[in-house]
């Protein structure tokens, strides 16, 4: 699950050569742990390590290497913890090294692993199309209404990502009576299908579009052999919509940061 998250989140800072250069993208693997890094962006979500205690044991030697890496790019060491899956001994080690949970909330990590895909909700006037480069601008502007706090550069990042024709990435646009209304991406990270960039424009909320886009992406991947899916949210409404389709929460992901 954390590998899939790394692919999804990492795609934003590697959407194109120009964006990667501007962001100062320096993501690397250290002992199997994926260390997301964007030297020129002051956003902790894009500068943290995924997989400590899950992909690899959080040994003192591994933590030394991770800490040196983040210090070398001018970022505080920050580690995403899959609560309940990281051994208590490794949590105690983090505490002794000066780490503590940050106070900016946690992400809810969900998995869909049922025996069949969810039924597609019936939403009046809804059509869903796969997006190519010709619709990249429409797609990115549609999603921006839900992610405006990330700044106007987010439009450019998403547009570049869609235009890139990146292998393993599928983007979908939902329309109501022809009007762009909802977005969603699907990342092929075999054997996991990762869902991300889900959004519904405020004017179209409350009609079941988010559930429809979620179901559509699962069914698209199901037809290509996927049977396990990753989803992430901090929004209780989104969590409820996922659960109503059969998703189950796997863990809370909490970032721990080392204080000076």
C-alpha atoms as a PDB file:
ATOM      1  CA  UNK A   1       0.000   0.000   0.000  1.00  0.00           C
ATOM      2  CA  UNK A   2       2.777   2.450   0.826  1.00  0.00           C
ATOM      3  CA  UNK A   3       4.536   1.664  -2.469  1.00  0.00           C
ATOM      4  CA  UNK A   4       1.302   2.499  -4.270  1.00  0.00           C
ATOM      5  CA  UNK A   5       0.948   5.728  -2.299  1.00  0.00           C
ATOM      6  CA  UNK A   6       4.498   6.683  -3.243  1.00  0.00           C
ATOM      7  CA  UNK A   7       3.755   6.214  -6.941  1.00  0.00           C
ATOM      8  CA  UNK A   8       0.572   8.284  -6.695  1.00  0.00           C
ATOM      9  CA  UNK A   9       2.043  11.156  -4.666  1.00  0.00           C
ATOM     10  CA  UNK A  10       5.411  11.044  -6.414  1.00  0.00           C
ATOM     11  CA  UNK A  11       3.786  11.484  -9.813  1.00  0.00           C
ATOM     12  CA  UNK A  12       2.892  15.091  -8.932  1.00  0.00           C
ATOM     13  CA  UNK A  13       6.512  16.165  -8.502  1.00  0.00           C
ATOM     14  CA  UNK A  14       7.643  14.211 -11.553  1.00  0.00           C
ATOM     15  CA  UNK A  15       4.800  15.121 -13.927  1.00  0.00           C
ATOM     16  CA  UNK A  16       7.209  16.458 -16.568  1.00  0.00           C
ATOM     17  CA  UNK A  17      10.939  17.234 -16.813  1.00  0.00           C
ATOM     18  CA  UNK A  18      10.182  20.926 -16.334  1.00  0.00           C
ATOM     19  CA  UNK A  19       8.054  20.381 -13.246  1.00  0.00           C
ATOM     20  CA  UNK A  20      10.600  17.975 -11.761  1.00  0.00           C
ATOM     21  CA  UNK A  21      13.334  20.583 -12.247  1.00  0.00           C
ATOM     22  CA  UNK A  22      11.246  23.384 -10.788  1.00  0.00           C
ATOM     23  CA  UNK A  23      10.242  21.290  -7.781  1.00  0.00           C
ATOM     24  CA  UNK A  24      13.788  20.111  -7.210  1.00  0.00           C
ATOM     25  CA  UNK A  25      12.553  16.530  -7.261  1.00  0.00           C
ATOM     26  CA  UNK A  26      15.078  14.266  -5.586  1.00  0.00           C
ATOM     27  CA  UNK A  27      13.028  11.214  -4.586  1.00  0.00           C
ATOM     28  CA  UNK A  28      15.127   8.112  -3.925  1.00  0.00           C
ATOM     29  CA  UNK A  29      14.947   4.676  -2.361  1.00  0.00           C
ATOM     30  CA  UNK A  30      16.980   4.067   0.757  1.00  0.00           C
ATOM     31  CA  UNK A  31      17.058   0.473   1.915  1.00  0.00           C
ATOM     32  CA  UNK A  32      13.752  -0.105   0.126  1.00  0.00           C
ATOM     33  CA  UNK A  33      12.056   2.889   1.790  1.00  0.00           C
ATOM     34  CA  UNK A  34      10.719   5.477  -0.672  1.00  0.00           C
ATOM     35  CA  UNK A  35      11.930   8.923   0.349  1.00  0.00           C
ATOM     36  CA  UNK A  36       9.751  11.486  -1.411  1.00  0.00           C
ATOM     37  CA  UNK A  37      11.642  14.717  -1.899  1.00  0.00           C
ATOM     38  CA  UNK A  38      10.914  18.073  -3.525  1.00  0.00           C
ATOM     39  CA  UNK A  39      13.712  20.414  -2.475  1.00  0.00           C
ATOM     40  CA  UNK A  40      12.049  23.567  -3.782  1.00  0.00           C
ATOM     41  CA  UNK A  41       8.571  22.971  -2.367  1.00  0.00           C
ATOM     42  CA  UNK A  42       7.808  23.646   1.276  1.00  0.00           C
ATOM     43  CA  UNK A  43       5.151  20.942   1.558  1.00  0.00           C
ATOM     44  CA  UNK A  44       5.714  18.111   4.089  1.00  0.00           C
ATOM     45  CA  UNK A  45       3.357  15.799   2.166  1.00  0.00           C
ATOM     46  CA  UNK A  46       5.913  15.766  -0.667  1.00  0.00           C
ATOM     47  CA  UNK A  47       8.937  15.412   1.628  1.00  0.00           C
ATOM     48  CA  UNK A  48       8.582  12.278   3.750  1.00  0.00           C
ATOM     49  CA  UNK A  49       9.642   8.652   3.889  1.00  0.00           C
ATOM     50  CA  UNK A  50       7.187   5.837   3.142  1.00  0.00           C
ATOM     51  CA  UNK A  51       7.847   2.269   4.250  1.00  0.00           C
ATOM     52  CA  UNK A  52       9.751   2.483   7.537  1.00  0.00           C
ATOM     53  CA  UNK A  53       8.648  -0.507   9.595  1.00  0.00           C
ATOM     54  CA  UNK A  54       6.644  -2.002   6.725  1.00  0.00           C
ATOM     55  CA  UNK A  55       8.765  -2.203   3.588  1.00  0.00           C
ATOM     56  CA  UNK A  56      11.955  -2.304   5.669  1.00  0.00           C
ATOM     57  CA  UNK A  57      12.780  -2.596   9.365  1.00  0.00           C
ATOM     58  CA  UNK A  58      13.411   0.798  10.937  1.00  0.00           C
ATOM     59  CA  UNK A  59      16.908   0.021  12.182  1.00  0.00           C
ATOM     60  CA  UNK A  60      19.226   2.714  13.549  1.00  0.00           C
ATOM     61  CA  UNK A  61      21.407   2.360  10.441  1.00  0.00           C
ATOM     62  CA  UNK A  62      18.456   2.846   8.088  1.00  0.00           C
ATOM     63  CA  UNK A  63      17.205   5.854  10.062  1.00  0.00           C
ATOM     64  CA  UNK A  64      20.702   7.349   9.968  1.00  0.00           C
ATOM     65  CA  UNK A  65      20.692   7.154   6.167  1.00  0.00           C
ATOM     66  CA  UNK A  66      17.192   8.611   5.855  1.00  0.00           C
ATOM     67  CA  UNK A  67      18.021  11.462   8.221  1.00  0.00           C
ATOM     68  CA  UNK A  68      21.231  12.324   6.368  1.00  0.00           C
ATOM     69  CA  UNK A  69      19.346  12.389   3.090  1.00  0.00           C
ATOM     70  CA  UNK A  70      16.658  14.810   4.255  1.00  0.00           C
ATOM     71  CA  UNK A  71      19.191  16.993   6.033  1.00  0.00           C
ATOM     72  CA  UNK A  72      21.191  17.165   2.787  1.00  0.00           C
ATOM     73  CA  UNK A  73      18.220  18.745   0.979  1.00  0.00           C
ATOM     74  CA  UNK A  74      17.313  21.068   3.821  1.00  0.00           C
ATOM     75  CA  UNK A  75      14.205  19.222   5.018  1.00  0.00           C
ATOM     76  CA  UNK A  76      13.423  17.834   8.480  1.00  0.00           C
ATOM     77  CA  UNK A  77      13.318  14.031   8.600  1.00  0.00           C
ATOM     78  CA  UNK A  78       9.662  12.978   8.403  1.00  0.00           C
ATOM     79  CA  UNK A  79       8.356   9.419   8.349  1.00  0.00           C
ATOM     80  CA  UNK A  80       4.863   8.187   7.443  1.00  0.00           C
ATOM     81  CA  UNK A  81       3.819   5.532   9.969  1.00  0.00           C
ATOM     82  CA  UNK A  82       1.244   2.858   9.106  1.00  0.00           C
ATOM     83  CA  UNK A  83      -0.380   2.713  12.538  1.00  0.00           C
ATOM     84  CA  UNK A  84      -0.802  -0.821  13.812  1.00  0.00           C
ATOM     85  CA  UNK A  85       1.627  -2.317  11.296  1.00  0.00           C
ATOM     86  CA  UNK A  86       4.911  -0.880  12.588  1.00  0.00           C
ATOM     87  CA  UNK A  87       6.315  -2.872  15.527  1.00  0.00           C
ATOM     88  CA  UNK A  88       6.184  -1.142  18.909  1.00  0.00           C
ATOM     89  CA  UNK A  89       9.949  -1.541  19.308  1.00  0.00           C
ATOM     90  CA  UNK A  90      10.519   0.564  16.193  1.00  0.00           C
ATOM     91  CA  UNK A  91       8.092   3.218  17.416  1.00  0.00           C
ATOM     92  CA  UNK A  92      10.027   3.431  20.674  1.00  0.00           C
ATOM     93  CA  UNK A  93      13.244   3.798  18.675  1.00  0.00           C
ATOM     94  CA  UNK A  94      11.774   6.756  16.808  1.00  0.00           C
ATOM     95  CA  UNK A  95      10.793   8.373  20.097  1.00  0.00           C
ATOM     96  CA  UNK A  96      14.317   7.952  21.483  1.00  0.00           C
ATOM     97  CA  UNK A  97      15.703   9.614  18.367  1.00  0.00           C
ATOM     98  CA  UNK A  98      13.495  12.677  18.889  1.00  0.00           C
ATOM     99  CA  UNK A  99      10.547  11.872  16.620  1.00  0.00           C
ATOM    100  CA  UNK A 100       6.953  12.717  17.508  1.00  0.00           C
ATOM    101  CA  UNK A 101       3.624  12.681  15.663  1.00  0.00           C
ATOM    102  CA  UNK A 102       2.928  15.932  13.841  1.00  0.00           C
ATOM    103  CA  UNK A 103      -0.233  17.811  14.645  1.00  0.00           C
ATOM    104  CA  UNK A 104      -1.667  18.276  11.142  1.00  0.00           C
ATOM    105  CA  UNK A 105      -3.993  15.291  10.998  1.00  0.00           C
ATOM    106  CA  UNK A 106      -3.632  11.814   9.605  1.00  0.00           C
ATOM    107  CA  UNK A 107      -4.560  10.112   6.371  1.00  0.00           C
ATOM    108  CA  UNK A 108      -7.021   7.238   6.264  1.00  0.00           C
ATOM    109  CA  UNK A 109      -5.723   4.378   4.141  1.00  0.00           C
ATOM    110  CA  UNK A 110      -8.376   2.139   2.634  1.00  0.00           C
ATOM    111  CA  UNK A 111      -8.299  -1.147   0.748  1.00  0.00           C
ATOM    112  CA  UNK A 112     -10.872  -2.707  -1.560  1.00  0.00           C
ATOM    113  CA  UNK A 113     -10.403  -6.470  -1.780  1.00  0.00           C
ATOM    114  CA  UNK A 114     -13.878  -7.909  -2.190  1.00  0.00           C
ATOM    115  CA  UNK A 115     -14.713 -10.843  -4.433  1.00  0.00           C
ATOM    116  CA  UNK A 116     -16.412  -8.695  -7.053  1.00  0.00           C
ATOM    117  CA  UNK A 117     -16.251  -5.058  -8.118  1.00  0.00           C
ATOM    118  CA  UNK A 118     -18.873  -2.622  -6.835  1.00  0.00           C
ATOM    119  CA  UNK A 119     -21.940  -1.930  -8.920  1.00  0.00           C
ATOM    120  CA  UNK A 120     -21.838   1.342 -10.808  1.00  0.00           C
ATOM    121  CA  UNK A 121     -24.259   3.824  -9.176  1.00  0.00           C
ATOM    122  CA  UNK A 122     -26.955   5.210 -11.435  1.00  0.00           C
ATOM    123  CA  UNK A 123     -26.484   8.994 -11.638  1.00  0.00           C
ATOM    124  CA  UNK A 124     -28.832  10.941 -13.891  1.00  0.00           C
ATOM    125  CA  UNK A 125     -27.051  12.595 -16.817  1.00  0.00           C
ATOM    126  CA  UNK A 126     -23.631  11.140 -15.935  1.00  0.00           C
ATOM    127  CA  UNK A 127     -21.119  10.044 -18.548  1.00  0.00           C
ATOM    128  CA  UNK A 128     -17.540   9.018 -17.752  1.00  0.00           C
ATOM    129  CA  UNK A 129     -14.753   9.185 -20.307  1.00  0.00           C
ATOM    130  CA  UNK A 130     -11.090   8.310 -20.263  1.00  0.00           C
ATOM    131  CA  UNK A 131      -9.002  11.450 -20.624  1.00  0.00           C
ATOM    132  CA  UNK A 132      -6.180  11.927 -23.111  1.00  0.00           C
ATOM    133  CA  UNK A 133      -3.889  14.897 -23.795  1.00  0.00           C
ATOM    134  CA  UNK A 134      -6.662  16.714 -25.679  1.00  0.00           C
ATOM    135  CA  UNK A 135      -8.711  16.966 -22.475  1.00  0.00           C
ATOM    136  CA  UNK A 136      -5.806  17.554 -20.085  1.00  0.00           C
ATOM    137  CA  UNK A 137      -6.635  21.235 -19.578  1.00  0.00           C
ATOM    138  CA  UNK A 138     -10.347  20.582 -18.990  1.00  0.00           C
ATOM    139  CA  UNK A 139      -9.541  17.773 -16.554  1.00  0.00           C
ATOM    140  CA  UNK A 140      -7.032  19.794 -14.515  1.00  0.00           C
ATOM    141  CA  UNK A 141      -9.305  22.842 -14.248  1.00  0.00           C
ATOM    142  CA  UNK A 142     -12.235  20.658 -13.193  1.00  0.00           C
ATOM    143  CA  UNK A 143     -10.243  19.103 -10.361  1.00  0.00           C
ATOM    144  CA  UNK A 144      -8.791  22.421  -9.205  1.00  0.00           C
ATOM    145  CA  UNK A 145     -12.117  23.517  -7.697  1.00  0.00           C
ATOM    146  CA  UNK A 146     -11.611  20.806  -5.058  1.00  0.00           C
ATOM    147  CA  UNK A 147      -7.866  21.378  -4.565  1.00  0.00           C
ATOM    148  CA  UNK A 148      -7.602  25.163  -4.789  1.00  0.00           C
ATOM    149  CA  UNK A 149      -5.665  25.297  -1.502  1.00  0.00           C
ATOM    150  CA  UNK A 150      -2.734  23.724  -3.321  1.00  0.00           C
ATOM    151  CA  UNK A 151      -2.325  26.814  -5.464  1.00  0.00           C
ATOM    152  CA  UNK A 152      -2.632  27.533  -9.208  1.00  0.00           C
ATOM    153  CA  UNK A 153       0.523  25.518  -9.934  1.00  0.00           C
ATOM    154  CA  UNK A 154      -1.511  22.401  -9.155  1.00  0.00           C
ATOM    155  CA  UNK A 155      -3.458  22.942 -12.395  1.00  0.00           C
ATOM    156  CA  UNK A 156      -0.197  22.933 -14.352  1.00  0.00           C
ATOM    157  CA  UNK A 157       1.036  19.820 -12.559  1.00  0.00           C
ATOM    158  CA  UNK A 158      -2.116  17.800 -13.217  1.00  0.00           C
ATOM    159  CA  UNK A 159      -2.312  18.975 -16.822  1.00  0.00           C
ATOM    160  CA  UNK A 160       1.312  17.964 -17.410  1.00  0.00           C
ATOM    161  CA  UNK A 161       0.721  14.596 -15.765  1.00  0.00           C
ATOM    162  CA  UNK A 162      -2.241  13.835 -18.024  1.00  0.00           C
ATOM    163  CA  UNK A 163      -0.380  15.033 -21.119  1.00  0.00           C
ATOM    164  CA  UNK A 164       2.604  12.838 -20.274  1.00  0.00           C
ATOM    165  CA  UNK A 165       0.772   9.638 -21.330  1.00  0.00           C
ATOM    166  CA  UNK A 166       2.608   8.030 -18.430  1.00  0.00           C
ATOM    167  CA  UNK A 167       2.513   4.274 -18.544  1.00  0.00           C
ATOM    168  CA  UNK A 168       0.239   2.874 -15.863  1.00  0.00           C
ATOM    169  CA  UNK A 169      -1.803   6.057 -15.413  1.00  0.00           C
ATOM    170  CA  UNK A 170      -5.432   6.454 -16.446  1.00  0.00           C
ATOM    171  CA  UNK A 171      -7.459   9.617 -15.863  1.00  0.00           C
ATOM    172  CA  UNK A 172     -11.248   9.820 -16.034  1.00  0.00           C
ATOM    173  CA  UNK A 173     -13.587  12.783 -16.384  1.00  0.00           C
ATOM    174  CA  UNK A 174     -17.207  12.651 -15.289  1.00  0.00           C
ATOM    175  CA  UNK A 175     -19.732  14.950 -16.959  1.00  0.00           C
ATOM    176  CA  UNK A 176     -23.307  15.783 -16.056  1.00  0.00           C
ATOM    177  CA  UNK A 177     -25.300  16.554 -19.202  1.00  0.00           C
ATOM    178  CA  UNK A 178     -22.001  17.332 -20.902  1.00  0.00           C
ATOM    179  CA  UNK A 179     -20.691  19.676 -18.184  1.00  0.00           C
ATOM    180  CA  UNK A 180     -17.336  18.649 -16.591  1.00  0.00           C
ATOM    181  CA  UNK A 181     -18.179  17.684 -13.014  1.00  0.00           C
ATOM    182  CA  UNK A 182     -15.786  15.121 -11.497  1.00  0.00           C
ATOM    183  CA  UNK A 183     -12.305  13.648 -11.874  1.00  0.00           C
ATOM    184  CA  UNK A 184     -10.354  10.591 -10.829  1.00  0.00           C
ATOM    185  CA  UNK A 185      -7.054   8.860 -11.598  1.00  0.00           C
ATOM    186  CA  UNK A 186      -6.084   5.204 -11.552  1.00  0.00           C
ATOM    187  CA  UNK A 187      -2.467   4.141 -11.059  1.00  0.00           C
ATOM    188  CA  UNK A 188      -1.404   0.649 -12.129  1.00  0.00           C
ATOM    189  CA  UNK A 189       1.050  -0.477  -9.442  1.00  0.00           C
ATOM    190  CA  UNK A 190       0.762  -4.235  -9.846  1.00  0.00           C
ATOM    191  CA  UNK A 191      -0.675  -6.041  -8.042  1.00  0.00           C
ATOM    192  CA  UNK A 192      -2.394  -2.945  -6.587  1.00  0.00           C
ATOM    193  CA  UNK A 193      -4.661  -0.502  -8.376  1.00  0.00           C
ATOM    194  CA  UNK A 194      -4.235   2.923  -6.794  1.00  0.00           C
ATOM    195  CA  UNK A 195      -7.041   5.484  -6.847  1.00  0.00           C
ATOM    196  CA  UNK A 196      -6.175   9.160  -6.554  1.00  0.00           C
ATOM    197  CA  UNK A 197      -7.008  12.735  -7.580  1.00  0.00           C
ATOM    198  CA  UNK A 198     -10.701  12.177  -6.986  1.00  0.00           C
ATOM    199  CA  UNK A 199     -12.765  15.354  -7.015  1.00  0.00           C
ATOM    200  CA  UNK A 200     -16.307  16.618  -7.537  1.00  0.00           C
ATOM    201  CA  UNK A 201     -17.057  20.237  -8.338  1.00  0.00           C
ATOM    202  CA  UNK A 202     -19.100  21.873  -5.542  1.00  0.00           C
ATOM    203  CA  UNK A 203     -22.067  22.539  -7.838  1.00  0.00           C
ATOM    204  CA  UNK A 204     -22.445  18.807  -8.508  1.00  0.00           C
ATOM    205  CA  UNK A 205     -21.945  17.364  -5.038  1.00  0.00           C
ATOM    206  CA  UNK A 206     -24.595  15.267  -3.325  1.00  0.00           C
ATOM    207  CA  UNK A 207     -25.552  13.323  -6.457  1.00  0.00           C
ATOM    208  CA  UNK A 208     -23.321  10.282  -6.042  1.00  0.00           C
ATOM    209  CA  UNK A 209     -20.604  11.308  -8.510  1.00  0.00           C
ATOM    210  CA  UNK A 210     -17.705  10.434  -6.246  1.00  0.00           C
ATOM    211  CA  UNK A 211     -19.041   6.916  -5.713  1.00  0.00           C
ATOM    212  CA  UNK A 212     -19.651   6.556  -9.444  1.00  0.00           C
ATOM    213  CA  UNK A 213     -16.088   7.587 -10.328  1.00  0.00           C
ATOM    214  CA  UNK A 214     -14.666   5.249  -7.686  1.00  0.00           C
ATOM    215  CA  UNK A 215     -16.721   2.312  -8.954  1.00  0.00           C
ATOM    216  CA  UNK A 216     -15.828   3.092 -12.570  1.00  0.00           C
ATOM    217  CA  UNK A 217     -12.101   3.033 -11.872  1.00  0.00           C
ATOM    218  CA  UNK A 218     -12.301  -0.220  -9.928  1.00  0.00           C
ATOM    219  CA  UNK A 219     -14.322  -1.851 -12.706  1.00  0.00           C
ATOM    220  CA  UNK A 220     -11.872  -0.575 -15.335  1.00  0.00           C
ATOM    221  CA  UNK A 221      -8.943  -2.142 -13.500  1.00  0.00           C
ATOM    222  CA  UNK A 222     -10.911  -5.272 -12.587  1.00  0.00           C
ATOM    223  CA  UNK A 223     -11.385  -5.987 -16.285  1.00  0.00           C
ATOM    224  CA  UNK A 224      -7.583  -5.954 -16.602  1.00  0.00           C
ATOM    225  CA  UNK A 225      -6.990  -8.394 -13.758  1.00  0.00           C
ATOM    226  CA  UNK A 226      -6.671  -6.184 -10.679  1.00  0.00           C
ATOM    227  CA  UNK A 227      -8.283  -7.444  -7.487  1.00  0.00           C
ATOM    228  CA  UNK A 228      -6.840  -5.226  -4.718  1.00  0.00           C
ATOM    229  CA  UNK A 229      -7.142  -1.431  -4.616  1.00  0.00           C
ATOM    230  CA  UNK A 230      -5.622   1.435  -2.629  1.00  0.00           C
ATOM    231  CA  UNK A 231      -7.422   4.595  -1.584  1.00  0.00           C
ATOM    232  CA  UNK A 232      -6.466   7.490   0.679  1.00  0.00           C
ATOM    233  CA  UNK A 233      -8.479  10.334   2.163  1.00  0.00           C
ATOM    234  CA  UNK A 234      -8.610  12.822   5.028  1.00  0.00           C
ATOM    235  CA  UNK A 235     -12.254  13.652   4.353  1.00  0.00           C
ATOM    236  CA  UNK A 236     -14.949  11.902   6.452  1.00  0.00           C
ATOM    237  CA  UNK A 237     -17.502  12.241   3.631  1.00  0.00           C
ATOM    238  CA  UNK A 238     -15.147  10.551   1.189  1.00  0.00           C
ATOM    239  CA  UNK A 239     -14.423   7.835   3.750  1.00  0.00           C
ATOM    240  CA  UNK A 240     -18.175   7.215   4.118  1.00  0.00           C
ATOM    241  CA  UNK A 241     -18.596   6.981   0.349  1.00  0.00           C
ATOM    242  CA  UNK A 242     -15.783   4.464   0.097  1.00  0.00           C
ATOM    243  CA  UNK A 243     -17.163   2.336   2.914  1.00  0.00           C
ATOM    244  CA  UNK A 244     -20.617   2.308   1.316  1.00  0.00           C
ATOM    245  CA  UNK A 245     -19.019   0.727  -1.771  1.00  0.00           C
ATOM    246  CA  UNK A 246     -17.290  -1.975   0.273  1.00  0.00           C
ATOM    247  CA  UNK A 247     -13.897  -0.451   1.079  1.00  0.00           C
ATOM    248  CA  UNK A 248     -12.446  -1.079   4.539  1.00  0.00           C
ATOM    249  CA  UNK A 249     -10.004   1.070   6.453  1.00  0.00           C
ATOM    250  CA  UNK A 250      -6.642  -0.624   6.706  1.00  0.00           C
ATOM    251  CA  UNK A 251      -4.802   1.877   8.890  1.00  0.00           C
ATOM    252  CA  UNK A 252      -4.343   5.492   9.901  1.00  0.00           C
ATOM    253  CA  UNK A 253      -1.174   6.934   8.440  1.00  0.00           C
ATOM    254  CA  UNK A 254       0.440   9.437  10.791  1.00  0.00           C
ATOM    255  CA  UNK A 255       3.553  11.453   9.985  1.00  0.00           C
ATOM    256  CA  UNK A 256       6.303  11.504  12.600  1.00  0.00           C
ATOM    257  CA  UNK A 257       8.903  14.252  12.407  1.00  0.00           C
ATOM    258  CA  UNK A 258      12.195  14.602  14.225  1.00  0.00           C
ATOM    259  CA  UNK A 259      12.450  17.812  16.168  1.00  0.00           C
ATOM    260  CA  UNK A 260      15.776  19.677  16.373  1.00  0.00           C
END
